[in-house]
Amino acid sequence: MQSQIPCPQCGGTIILDTHLLLAGQKFSCQQCHAQVGLSPQSQPDVAQAVQGFEALQRQKAQVATAAQSAVNEL
């Protein structure tokens, strides 16, 4: 899942893929070239948060589909 965060050095935008971040990849700021990554200690917490967010996205899609079906039946 692609995301973006502010650069801790210059405030620019760092675009990252959360799954690659969890796999240990580092990402660089396009403006100042500062790198960000996860410490091994942070990976479990971030992985749990990403999984929870993805579960919420799936639920949202299911609710939207059910709502659209209900509207179509009217």
N, C-alpha and C. Protein backbone atom coordinates (compact mmCIF):
# COMPACT_ATOMS: atom_id res chain seq x y z
N MET A 1 0.85 -1.15 0.00
CA MET A 1 0.00 0.00 0.00
C MET A 1 0.90 1.23 0.00
N GLN A 2 0.67 2.12 -0.96
CA GLN A 2 1.48 3.32 -1.07
C GLN A 2 0.97 4.39 -0.11
N SER A 3 1.89 5.05 0.56
CA SER A 3 1.57 6.10 1.51
C SER A 3 2.58 7.22 1.36
N GLN A 4 2.31 8.31 2.03
CA GLN A 4 3.30 9.37 2.07
C GLN A 4 3.36 9.95 3.47
N ILE A 5 4.57 10.37 3.84
CA ILE A 5 4.80 10.96 5.15
C ILE A 5 5.65 12.21 4.97
N PRO A 6 5.59 13.14 5.93
CA PRO A 6 6.48 14.30 5.84
C PRO A 6 7.91 13.91 6.22
N CYS A 7 8.86 14.48 5.53
CA CYS A 7 10.27 14.23 5.83
C CYS A 7 10.60 14.83 7.19
N PRO A 8 11.25 14.07 8.07
CA PRO A 8 11.60 14.61 9.39
C PRO A 8 12.69 15.68 9.32
N GLN A 9 13.41 15.76 8.20
CA GLN A 9 14.49 16.74 8.06
C GLN A 9 14.02 18.07 7.48
N CYS A 10 13.28 18.00 6.34
CA CYS A 10 12.95 19.23 5.62
C CYS A 10 11.45 19.48 5.48
N GLY A 11 10.63 18.50 5.85
CA GLY A 11 9.18 18.66 5.71
C GLY A 11 8.66 18.30 4.34
N GLY A 12 9.53 17.91 3.43
CA GLY A 12 9.10 17.46 2.10
C GLY A 12 8.30 16.18 2.21
N THR A 13 7.91 15.64 1.09
CA THR A 13 7.09 14.44 1.07
C THR A 13 7.95 13.22 0.75
N ILE A 14 7.79 12.18 1.57
CA ILE A 14 8.44 10.90 1.30
C ILE A 14 7.33 9.92 0.94
N ILE A 15 7.41 9.40 -0.28
CA ILE A 15 6.44 8.40 -0.75
C ILE A 15 7.02 7.03 -0.45
N LEU A 16 6.20 6.17 0.17
CA LEU A 16 6.68 4.84 0.52
C LEU A 16 5.60 3.80 0.34
N ASP A 17 6.02 2.57 0.27
CA ASP A 17 5.12 1.42 0.21
C ASP A 17 5.21 0.74 1.57
N THR A 18 4.09 0.68 2.28
CA THR A 18 4.12 0.16 3.65
C THR A 18 4.60 -1.29 3.73
N HIS A 19 4.27 -2.08 2.72
CA HIS A 19 4.70 -3.48 2.75
C HIS A 19 6.22 -3.58 2.56
N LEU A 20 6.77 -2.74 1.69
CA LEU A 20 8.23 -2.73 1.52
C LEU A 20 8.92 -2.15 2.75
N LEU A 21 8.29 -1.15 3.38
CA LEU A 21 8.83 -0.59 4.61
C LEU A 21 8.90 -1.66 5.68
N LEU A 22 7.84 -2.46 5.80
CA LEU A 22 7.83 -3.55 6.78
C LEU A 22 8.86 -4.62 6.46
N ALA A 23 9.19 -4.75 5.18
CA ALA A 23 10.19 -5.74 4.76
C ALA A 23 11.62 -5.23 4.99
N GLY A 24 11.76 -3.98 5.46
CA GLY A 24 13.09 -3.47 5.77
C GLY A 24 13.64 -2.45 4.79
N GLN A 25 12.90 -2.15 3.74
CA GLN A 25 13.38 -1.17 2.77
C GLN A 25 13.34 0.24 3.35
N LYS A 26 14.30 1.05 2.96
CA LYS A 26 14.34 2.45 3.36
C LYS A 26 13.88 3.30 2.19
N PHE A 27 13.33 4.47 2.50
CA PHE A 27 12.83 5.38 1.49
C PHE A 27 13.47 6.74 1.69
N SER A 28 13.69 7.47 0.59
CA SER A 28 14.39 8.74 0.63
C SER A 28 13.46 9.90 0.29
N CYS A 29 13.75 11.04 0.92
CA CYS A 29 13.07 12.28 0.61
C CYS A 29 13.54 12.76 -0.76
N GLN A 30 12.61 13.17 -1.59
CA GLN A 30 12.96 13.64 -2.93
C GLN A 30 13.65 15.00 -2.89
N GLN A 31 13.47 15.74 -1.80
CA GLN A 31 14.05 17.08 -1.70
C GLN A 31 15.45 17.07 -1.07
N CYS A 32 15.58 16.48 0.12
CA CYS A 32 16.86 16.54 0.83
C CYS A 32 17.60 15.21 0.87
N HIS A 33 16.98 14.16 0.39
CA HIS A 33 17.55 12.81 0.30
C HIS A 33 17.76 12.14 1.66
N ALA A 34 17.11 12.65 2.71
CA ALA A 34 17.15 11.96 4.00
C ALA A 34 16.44 10.62 3.84
N GLN A 35 16.89 9.61 4.56
CA GLN A 35 16.29 8.28 4.47
C GLN A 35 15.49 7.97 5.73
N VAL A 36 14.39 7.27 5.54
CA VAL A 36 13.58 6.79 6.65
C VAL A 36 13.38 5.29 6.50
N GLY A 37 13.27 4.63 7.61
CA GLY A 37 13.00 3.20 7.64
C GLY A 37 12.49 2.84 9.03
N LEU A 38 12.19 1.58 9.21
CA LEU A 38 11.71 1.11 10.51
C LEU A 38 12.82 0.39 11.26
N SER A 39 12.87 0.62 12.55
CA SER A 39 13.78 -0.17 13.37
C SER A 39 13.16 -1.55 13.54
N PRO A 40 13.96 -2.56 13.73
CA PRO A 40 13.41 -3.91 13.93
C PRO A 40 12.41 -3.97 15.08
N GLN A 41 12.61 -3.14 16.12
CA GLN A 41 11.71 -3.14 17.26
C GLN A 41 10.34 -2.57 16.90
N SER A 42 10.28 -1.68 15.91
CA SER A 42 9.02 -1.04 15.52
C SER A 42 8.21 -1.87 14.54
N GLN A 43 8.84 -2.78 13.85
CA GLN A 43 8.17 -3.53 12.79
C GLN A 43 6.91 -4.26 13.26
N PRO A 44 6.91 -4.96 14.39
CA PRO A 44 5.68 -5.65 14.80
C PRO A 44 4.51 -4.70 15.05
N ASP A 45 4.78 -3.57 15.68
CA ASP A 45 3.70 -2.62 15.96
C ASP A 45 3.14 -2.01 14.67
N VAL A 46 4.03 -1.66 13.76
CA VAL A 46 3.59 -1.07 12.50
C VAL A 46 2.86 -2.12 11.66
N ALA A 47 3.35 -3.35 11.66
CA ALA A 47 2.67 -4.42 10.92
C ALA A 47 1.26 -4.62 11.43
N GLN A 48 1.08 -4.59 12.74
CA GLN A 48 -0.24 -4.76 13.33
C GLN A 48 -1.15 -3.58 12.94
N ALA A 49 -0.62 -2.39 12.95
CA ALA A 49 -1.40 -1.21 12.57
C ALA A 49 -1.80 -1.28 11.10
N VAL A 50 -0.90 -1.69 10.23
CA VAL A 50 -1.19 -1.80 8.80
C VAL A 50 -2.26 -2.86 8.56
N GLN A 51 -2.14 -3.99 9.25
CA GLN A 51 -3.14 -5.05 9.10
C GLN A 51 -4.52 -4.56 9.55
N GLY A 52 -4.56 -3.82 10.65
CA GLY A 52 -5.82 -3.27 11.12
C GLY A 52 -6.42 -2.28 10.14
N PHE A 53 -5.59 -1.43 9.58
CA PHE A 53 -6.06 -0.46 8.60
C PHE A 53 -6.60 -1.16 7.35
N GLU A 54 -5.88 -2.18 6.88
CA GLU A 54 -6.34 -2.91 5.70
C GLU A 54 -7.65 -3.64 5.98
N ALA A 55 -7.82 -4.15 7.19
CA ALA A 55 -9.09 -4.81 7.55
C ALA A 55 -10.23 -3.79 7.52
N LEU A 56 -9.98 -2.58 8.02
CA LEU A 56 -11.00 -1.54 7.97
C LEU A 56 -11.35 -1.15 6.54
N GLN A 57 -10.34 -1.11 5.68
CA GLN A 57 -10.61 -0.81 4.27
C GLN A 57 -11.49 -1.88 3.63
N ARG A 58 -11.23 -3.15 3.96
CA ARG A 58 -12.06 -4.23 3.42
C ARG A 58 -13.49 -4.11 3.93
N GLN A 59 -13.66 -3.81 5.22
CA GLN A 59 -15.00 -3.63 5.78
C GLN A 59 -15.72 -2.47 5.12
N LYS A 60 -15.01 -1.39 4.89
CA LYS A 60 -15.61 -0.23 4.23
C LYS A 60 -16.11 -0.60 2.84
N ALA A 61 -15.31 -1.36 2.10
CA ALA A 61 -15.70 -1.77 0.76
C ALA A 61 -16.93 -2.69 0.82
N GLN A 62 -16.98 -3.57 1.80
CA GLN A 62 -18.13 -4.47 1.95
C GLN A 62 -19.39 -3.68 2.28
N VAL A 63 -19.27 -2.71 3.16
CA VAL A 63 -20.43 -1.88 3.52
C VAL A 63 -20.90 -1.08 2.32
N ALA A 64 -19.97 -0.53 1.56
CA ALA A 64 -20.33 0.25 0.37
C ALA A 64 -21.05 -0.64 -0.64
N THR A 65 -20.58 -1.85 -0.83
CA THR A 65 -21.22 -2.78 -1.76
C THR A 65 -22.62 -3.13 -1.29
N ALA A 66 -22.77 -3.40 0.02
CA ALA A 66 -24.09 -3.74 0.56
C ALA A 66 -25.04 -2.56 0.45
N ALA A 67 -24.54 -1.37 0.70
CA ALA A 67 -25.38 -0.17 0.60
C ALA A 67 -25.83 0.06 -0.84
N GLN A 68 -24.92 -0.12 -1.77
CA GLN A 68 -25.28 0.05 -3.18
C GLN A 68 -26.31 -0.99 -3.61
N SER A 69 -26.17 -2.21 -3.13
CA SER A 69 -27.15 -3.24 -3.44
C SER A 69 -28.53 -2.88 -2.88
N ALA A 70 -28.54 -2.37 -1.66
CA ALA A 70 -29.81 -1.97 -1.04
C ALA A 70 -30.45 -0.82 -1.81
N VAL A 71 -29.68 0.13 -2.26
CA VAL A 71 -30.20 1.25 -3.05
C VAL A 71 -30.74 0.75 -4.37
N ASN A 72 -30.05 -0.17 -4.99
CA ASN A 72 -30.49 -0.70 -6.29
C ASN A 72 -31.80 -1.46 -6.17
N GLU A 73 -32.08 -2.02 -4.99
CA GLU A 73 -33.32 -2.77 -4.79
C GLU A 73 -34.54 -1.87 -4.59
N LEU A 74 -34.30 -0.59 -4.32
CA LEU A 74 -35.41 0.33 -4.08
C LEU A 74 -36.15 0.68 -5.34
